[in-house]
Amino acid sequence: MVIVLKKDISDSDKNSLKDFLAQKNFKLNEVSGEEETILAAVGKMHMDPVELETKPGVSRVIPISKPYKQASREFKRENTIVEIPNCRGQVIRVGGQRV
């Protein structure tokens, strides 16, 4: 799931939220952008998202039940470009506006 944090969340509230999710066996990745900060919580969803939305500093919760969660736009807004070298020493770029 993706947890969007409020801009004015305190460090104390953020750490409390991270501890809460860690106790629920979620693996966490924090992504800070210019507009917002999100926590990507990876693990089995065995709780009501509303429980998280009521926590201090949480703006909204986006459950994700599709595969490749960390490749989703909810997790990472920027395009991903992968460079793959071929046997001739050239590099093929995959992603972004090109395939």
C-alpha atoms as a PDB file:
ATOM      1  CA  MET A   1       0.000   0.000   0.000  1.00  0.00           C
ATOM      2  CA  VAL A   2       1.024   3.596  -0.450  1.00  0.00           C
ATOM      3  CA  ILE A   3       0.678   5.976   2.474  1.00  0.00           C
ATOM      4  CA  VAL A   4       0.774   9.651   1.539  1.00  0.00           C
ATOM      5  CA  LEU A   5       2.002  11.792   4.413  1.00  0.00           C
ATOM      6  CA  LYS A   6       0.928  15.333   5.216  1.00  0.00           C
ATOM      7  CA  LYS A   7       3.517  18.003   4.438  1.00  0.00           C
ATOM      8  CA  ASP A   8       3.627  19.139   8.057  1.00  0.00           C
ATOM      9  CA  ILE A   9       4.013  15.683   9.647  1.00  0.00           C
ATOM     10  CA  SER A  10       6.315  15.770  12.655  1.00  0.00           C
ATOM     11  CA  ASP A  11       9.323  13.469  12.893  1.00  0.00           C
ATOM     12  CA  SER A  12       7.733  11.955  15.990  1.00  0.00           C
ATOM     13  CA  ASP A  13       4.488  11.111  14.151  1.00  0.00           C
ATOM     14  CA  LYS A  14       6.418   9.739  11.161  1.00  0.00           C
ATOM     15  CA  ASN A  15       8.564   7.505  13.386  1.00  0.00           C
ATOM     16  CA  SER A  16       5.494   6.346  15.305  1.00  0.00           C
ATOM     17  CA  LEU A  17       3.783   5.411  12.027  1.00  0.00           C
ATOM     18  CA  LYS A  18       6.871   3.547  10.800  1.00  0.00           C
ATOM     19  CA  ASP A  19       7.091   1.630  14.094  1.00  0.00           C
ATOM     20  CA  PHE A  20       3.390   0.744  13.874  1.00  0.00           C
ATOM     21  CA  LEU A  21       3.792  -0.613  10.330  1.00  0.00           C
ATOM     22  CA  ALA A  22       6.986  -2.496  11.194  1.00  0.00           C
ATOM     23  CA  GLN A  23       5.114  -4.219  14.042  1.00  0.00           C
ATOM     24  CA  LYS A  24       2.544  -5.312  11.441  1.00  0.00           C
ATOM     25  CA  ASN A  25       5.423  -6.899   9.430  1.00  0.00           C
ATOM     26  CA  PHE A  26       5.438  -4.389   6.578  1.00  0.00           C
ATOM     27  CA  LYS A  27       8.687  -3.579   4.786  1.00  0.00           C
ATOM     28  CA  LEU A  28       8.892   0.175   4.303  1.00  0.00           C
ATOM     29  CA  ASN A  29      10.405   2.439   1.683  1.00  0.00           C
ATOM     30  CA  GLU A  30      10.202   6.199   2.142  1.00  0.00           C
ATOM     31  CA  VAL A  31      10.143   8.357  -0.961  1.00  0.00           C
ATOM     32  CA  SER A  32      10.364  12.135  -0.569  1.00  0.00           C
ATOM     33  CA  GLY A  33       9.354  14.236  -3.525  1.00  0.00           C
ATOM     34  CA  GLU A  34       8.941  17.954  -4.080  1.00  0.00           C
ATOM     35  CA  GLU A  35       5.198  17.834  -3.496  1.00  0.00           C
ATOM     36  CA  GLU A  36       4.740  14.986  -1.034  1.00  0.00           C
ATOM     37  CA  THR A  37       6.364  12.208   0.931  1.00  0.00           C
ATOM     38  CA  ILE A  38       5.072   8.670   0.709  1.00  0.00           C
ATOM     39  CA  LEU A  39       5.704   5.445   2.532  1.00  0.00           C
ATOM     40  CA  ALA A  40       5.499   2.338   0.387  1.00  0.00           C
ATOM     41  CA  ALA A  41       4.462  -0.473   2.713  1.00  0.00           C
ATOM     42  CA  VAL A  42       5.036  -3.920   1.243  1.00  0.00           C
ATOM     43  CA  GLY A  43       3.443  -6.892   2.938  1.00  0.00           C
ATOM     44  CA  LYS A  44       0.192  -8.745   3.485  1.00  0.00           C
ATOM     45  CA  MET A  45      -2.695  -6.343   3.929  1.00  0.00           C
ATOM     46  CA  HIS A  46      -4.416  -7.611   7.054  1.00  0.00           C
ATOM     47  CA  MET A  47      -5.765  -4.330   8.339  1.00  0.00           C
ATOM     48  CA  ASP A  48      -8.351  -1.742   7.395  1.00  0.00           C
ATOM     49  CA  PRO A  49      -6.795   1.227   5.536  1.00  0.00           C
ATOM     50  CA  VAL A  50      -9.112   3.506   7.527  1.00  0.00           C
ATOM     51  CA  GLU A  51      -7.107   2.567  10.626  1.00  0.00           C
ATOM     52  CA  LEU A  52      -4.050   4.163   9.000  1.00  0.00           C
ATOM     53  CA  GLU A  53      -5.918   7.197   7.671  1.00  0.00           C
ATOM     54  CA  THR A  54      -6.778   8.181  11.248  1.00  0.00           C
ATOM     55  CA  LYS A  55      -3.116   8.223  12.315  1.00  0.00           C
ATOM     56  CA  PRO A  56      -1.572  11.686  12.852  1.00  0.00           C
ATOM     57  CA  GLY A  57       0.260  12.980   9.792  1.00  0.00           C
ATOM     58  CA  VAL A  58      -1.407  10.651   7.263  1.00  0.00           C
ATOM     59  CA  SER A  59      -3.044  12.373   4.291  1.00  0.00           C
ATOM     60  CA  ARG A  60      -4.408   9.293   2.513  1.00  0.00           C
ATOM     61  CA  VAL A  61      -3.865   5.568   2.069  1.00  0.00           C
ATOM     62  CA  ILE A  62      -3.870   3.884  -1.335  1.00  0.00           C
ATOM     63  CA  PRO A  63      -4.216   0.094  -1.189  1.00  0.00           C
ATOM     64  CA  ILE A  64      -2.427  -1.608  -4.065  1.00  0.00           C
ATOM     65  CA  SER A  65      -3.278  -5.178  -4.863  1.00  0.00           C
ATOM     66  CA  LYS A  66      -1.663  -5.400  -8.271  1.00  0.00           C
ATOM     67  CA  PRO A  67       1.743  -6.922  -8.999  1.00  0.00           C
ATOM     68  CA  TYR A  68       4.819  -4.744  -9.480  1.00  0.00           C
ATOM     69  CA  LYS A  69       3.765  -2.304  -6.760  1.00  0.00           C
ATOM     70  CA  GLN A  70       7.100  -0.521  -6.675  1.00  0.00           C
ATOM     71  CA  ALA A  71       6.988   0.057 -10.425  1.00  0.00           C
ATOM     72  CA  SER A  72       3.618   1.803 -10.145  1.00  0.00           C
ATOM     73  CA  ARG A  73       3.127   5.532 -10.586  1.00  0.00           C
ATOM     74  CA  GLU A  74       1.768   5.670  -7.040  1.00  0.00           C
ATOM     75  CA  PHE A  75       5.217   4.637  -5.786  1.00  0.00           C
ATOM     76  CA  LYS A  76       7.480   6.423  -8.264  1.00  0.00           C
ATOM     77  CA  ARG A  77       6.254   9.242 -10.489  1.00  0.00           C
ATOM     78  CA  GLU A  78       9.400   9.594 -12.611  1.00  0.00           C
ATOM     79  CA  ASN A  79      10.058   7.455 -15.681  1.00  0.00           C
ATOM     80  CA  THR A  80      12.476   4.584 -15.214  1.00  0.00           C
ATOM     81  CA  ILE A  81      15.110   4.102 -17.898  1.00  0.00           C
ATOM     82  CA  VAL A  82      17.203   0.935 -17.921  1.00  0.00           C
ATOM     83  CA  GLU A  83      20.420   0.715 -19.927  1.00  0.00           C
ATOM     84  CA  ILE A  84      21.260  -2.763 -21.213  1.00  0.00           C
ATOM     85  CA  PRO A  85      24.622  -3.428 -22.873  1.00  0.00           C
ATOM     86  CA  ASN A  86      24.531  -5.793 -25.838  1.00  0.00           C
ATOM     87  CA  CYS A  87      27.239  -8.114 -27.167  1.00  0.00           C
ATOM     88  CA  ARG A  88      28.545  -5.427 -29.595  1.00  0.00           C
ATOM     89  CA  GLY A  89      29.367  -2.979 -26.818  1.00  0.00           C
ATOM     90  CA  GLN A  90      26.353  -0.807 -27.539  1.00  0.00           C
ATOM     91  CA  VAL A  91      23.875   0.253 -24.898  1.00  0.00           C
ATOM     92  CA  ILE A  92      20.157  -0.146 -25.461  1.00  0.00           C
ATOM     93  CA  ARG A  93      17.908   2.160 -23.448  1.00  0.00           C
ATOM     94  CA  VAL A  94      14.512   0.850 -22.416  1.00  0.00           C
ATOM     95  CA  GLY A  95      11.850   2.951 -20.697  1.00  0.00           C
ATOM     96  CA  GLY A  96      10.728   6.534 -20.553  1.00  0.00           C
ATOM     97  CA  GLN A  97       9.377   7.542 -23.956  1.00  0.00           C
ATOM     98  CA  ARG A  98      11.190   4.693 -25.740  1.00  0.00           C
ATOM     99  CA  VAL A  99      11.022   0.924 -25.792  1.00  0.00           C
END
